[in-house]
N, C-alpha and C. Protein backbone atom coordinates (compact mmCIF):
# COMPACT_ATOMS: atom_id res chain seq x y z
N MET A 1 10.27 -15.42 -9.17
CA MET A 1 9.15 -14.98 -8.35
C MET A 1 9.71 -14.42 -7.04
N PRO A 2 9.22 -13.25 -6.60
CA PRO A 2 9.73 -12.66 -5.36
C PRO A 2 9.36 -13.50 -4.13
N GLU A 3 10.24 -13.42 -3.15
CA GLU A 3 10.00 -14.15 -1.91
C GLU A 3 8.93 -13.42 -1.10
N GLY A 4 7.96 -14.13 -0.60
CA GLY A 4 6.87 -13.51 0.16
C GLY A 4 7.21 -13.40 1.64
N LYS A 5 6.52 -12.52 2.28
CA LYS A 5 6.63 -12.34 3.73
C LYS A 5 5.28 -12.68 4.32
N ARG A 6 5.26 -13.15 5.55
CA ARG A 6 4.03 -13.58 6.18
C ARG A 6 3.76 -12.76 7.43
N LEU A 7 2.49 -12.43 7.62
CA LEU A 7 2.03 -11.74 8.82
C LEU A 7 0.80 -12.48 9.32
N ASN A 8 0.93 -13.07 10.48
CA ASN A 8 -0.22 -13.76 11.08
C ASN A 8 -0.93 -12.80 12.02
N ILE A 9 -2.22 -12.69 11.87
CA ILE A 9 -3.02 -11.82 12.73
C ILE A 9 -4.04 -12.71 13.43
N TYR A 10 -4.07 -12.60 14.75
CA TYR A 10 -5.00 -13.40 15.53
C TYR A 10 -6.10 -12.52 16.09
N PHE A 11 -7.33 -12.95 15.96
CA PHE A 11 -8.49 -12.24 16.46
C PHE A 11 -9.02 -13.05 17.65
N THR A 12 -8.84 -12.51 18.85
CA THR A 12 -9.17 -13.31 20.03
C THR A 12 -10.24 -12.69 20.93
N ASP A 13 -10.16 -11.40 21.22
CA ASP A 13 -11.16 -10.84 22.13
C ASP A 13 -12.38 -10.36 21.35
N GLU A 14 -13.38 -9.90 22.08
CA GLU A 14 -14.67 -9.56 21.46
C GLU A 14 -14.53 -8.49 20.38
N ASP A 15 -13.76 -7.44 20.65
CA ASP A 15 -13.56 -6.39 19.65
C ASP A 15 -12.84 -6.91 18.42
N ASP A 16 -11.86 -7.79 18.64
CA ASP A 16 -11.15 -8.39 17.52
C ASP A 16 -12.09 -9.23 16.65
N LEU A 17 -12.97 -9.96 17.31
CA LEU A 17 -13.89 -10.81 16.56
C LEU A 17 -14.88 -9.99 15.75
N LYS A 18 -15.26 -8.82 16.27
CA LYS A 18 -16.13 -7.91 15.50
C LYS A 18 -15.38 -7.40 14.27
N LEU A 19 -14.12 -7.05 14.46
CA LEU A 19 -13.30 -6.59 13.35
C LEU A 19 -13.14 -7.69 12.31
N TYR A 20 -12.92 -8.91 12.75
CA TYR A 20 -12.81 -10.05 11.84
C TYR A 20 -14.09 -10.21 11.02
N ALA A 21 -15.23 -10.07 11.68
CA ALA A 21 -16.52 -10.19 10.99
C ALA A 21 -16.67 -9.09 9.94
N GLU A 22 -16.24 -7.88 10.27
CA GLU A 22 -16.30 -6.76 9.31
C GLU A 22 -15.42 -7.03 8.10
N ILE A 23 -14.22 -7.53 8.36
CA ILE A 23 -13.29 -7.84 7.26
C ILE A 23 -13.86 -8.96 6.39
N SER A 24 -14.41 -9.96 7.03
CA SER A 24 -14.99 -11.09 6.30
C SER A 24 -16.16 -10.63 5.42
N THR A 25 -17.01 -9.77 5.96
CA THR A 25 -18.14 -9.25 5.21
C THR A 25 -17.66 -8.43 4.02
N ALA A 26 -16.67 -7.57 4.25
CA ALA A 26 -16.12 -6.76 3.16
C ALA A 26 -15.54 -7.65 2.06
N ALA A 27 -14.84 -8.69 2.46
CA ALA A 27 -14.25 -9.61 1.48
C ALA A 27 -15.34 -10.27 0.63
N LYS A 28 -16.40 -10.70 1.28
CA LYS A 28 -17.49 -11.34 0.53
C LYS A 28 -18.18 -10.34 -0.39
N ASN A 29 -18.44 -9.13 0.12
CA ASN A 29 -19.13 -8.12 -0.69
C ASN A 29 -18.31 -7.69 -1.89
N GLU A 30 -17.01 -7.62 -1.74
CA GLU A 30 -16.14 -7.18 -2.83
C GLU A 30 -15.58 -8.36 -3.63
N LYS A 31 -15.99 -9.56 -3.26
CA LYS A 31 -15.52 -10.78 -3.93
C LYS A 31 -13.99 -10.83 -3.99
N ARG A 32 -13.38 -10.60 -2.83
CA ARG A 32 -11.93 -10.66 -2.69
C ARG A 32 -11.60 -11.61 -1.54
N SER A 33 -10.34 -11.98 -1.46
CA SER A 33 -9.91 -12.82 -0.35
C SER A 33 -9.73 -11.95 0.90
N MET A 34 -9.72 -12.59 2.04
CA MET A 34 -9.48 -11.88 3.30
C MET A 34 -8.12 -11.19 3.24
N SER A 35 -7.11 -11.86 2.71
CA SER A 35 -5.77 -11.27 2.61
C SER A 35 -5.79 -10.01 1.76
N GLN A 36 -6.50 -10.04 0.64
CA GLN A 36 -6.57 -8.87 -0.22
C GLN A 36 -7.24 -7.70 0.51
N ILE A 37 -8.32 -7.97 1.22
CA ILE A 37 -9.02 -6.91 1.94
C ILE A 37 -8.13 -6.33 3.03
N VAL A 38 -7.43 -7.18 3.77
CA VAL A 38 -6.54 -6.70 4.83
C VAL A 38 -5.45 -5.82 4.23
N LYS A 39 -4.87 -6.22 3.11
CA LYS A 39 -3.84 -5.42 2.47
C LYS A 39 -4.38 -4.06 2.03
N ILE A 40 -5.58 -4.04 1.48
CA ILE A 40 -6.21 -2.79 1.06
C ILE A 40 -6.45 -1.88 2.26
N LEU A 41 -7.00 -2.45 3.32
CA LEU A 41 -7.30 -1.65 4.52
C LEU A 41 -6.03 -1.09 5.15
N ILE A 42 -4.99 -1.90 5.21
CA ILE A 42 -3.73 -1.43 5.77
C ILE A 42 -3.13 -0.33 4.90
N SER A 43 -3.15 -0.52 3.60
CA SER A 43 -2.61 0.47 2.68
C SER A 43 -3.36 1.80 2.82
N ASP A 44 -4.69 1.73 2.89
CA ASP A 44 -5.50 2.94 3.07
C ASP A 44 -5.20 3.63 4.40
N ALA A 45 -5.05 2.86 5.45
CA ALA A 45 -4.77 3.43 6.77
C ALA A 45 -3.40 4.11 6.80
N ILE A 46 -2.41 3.50 6.18
CA ILE A 46 -1.07 4.09 6.14
C ILE A 46 -1.10 5.40 5.34
N ALA A 47 -1.78 5.40 4.21
CA ALA A 47 -1.88 6.61 3.40
C ALA A 47 -2.58 7.73 4.18
N LYS A 48 -3.63 7.38 4.90
CA LYS A 48 -4.36 8.37 5.69
C LYS A 48 -3.47 8.95 6.79
N ARG A 49 -2.72 8.10 7.47
CA ARG A 49 -1.82 8.57 8.53
C ARG A 49 -0.73 9.48 7.98
N LYS A 50 -0.18 9.11 6.82
CA LYS A 50 0.85 9.95 6.20
C LYS A 50 0.28 11.32 5.85
N HIS A 51 -0.93 11.33 5.31
CA HIS A 51 -1.59 12.58 4.95
C HIS A 51 -1.82 13.44 6.19
N GLN A 52 -2.27 12.82 7.28
CA GLN A 52 -2.52 13.56 8.52
C GLN A 52 -1.22 14.14 9.08
N LYS A 53 -0.14 13.37 9.03
CA LYS A 53 1.15 13.87 9.53
C LYS A 53 1.66 15.03 8.70
N GLN A 54 1.48 14.95 7.38
CA GLN A 54 1.90 16.04 6.51
C GLN A 54 1.08 17.30 6.81
N LYS A 55 -0.20 17.11 7.09
CA LYS A 55 -1.08 18.23 7.42
C LYS A 55 -0.63 18.88 8.72
N GLU A 56 -0.23 18.08 9.70
CA GLU A 56 0.21 18.59 10.98
C GLU A 56 1.51 19.40 10.85
N LEU A 57 2.36 19.03 9.92
CA LEU A 57 3.64 19.71 9.73
C LEU A 57 3.48 21.06 9.03
N THR A 58 2.38 21.25 8.34
CA THR A 58 2.18 22.52 7.62
C THR A 58 1.36 23.50 8.41
């Protein structure tokens, strides 16, 4: 089994807590864990940024 890596994310200020609530709602609606939703959101954001950078280069 591959060795896992850990990333702790803390939600402390008001904007962070709103983001946490959005993630929590998405997890419940999609019947996924919070970790799964965060991984999906991060993956989507990285792909979007890569696409935007490629667009800027052309």
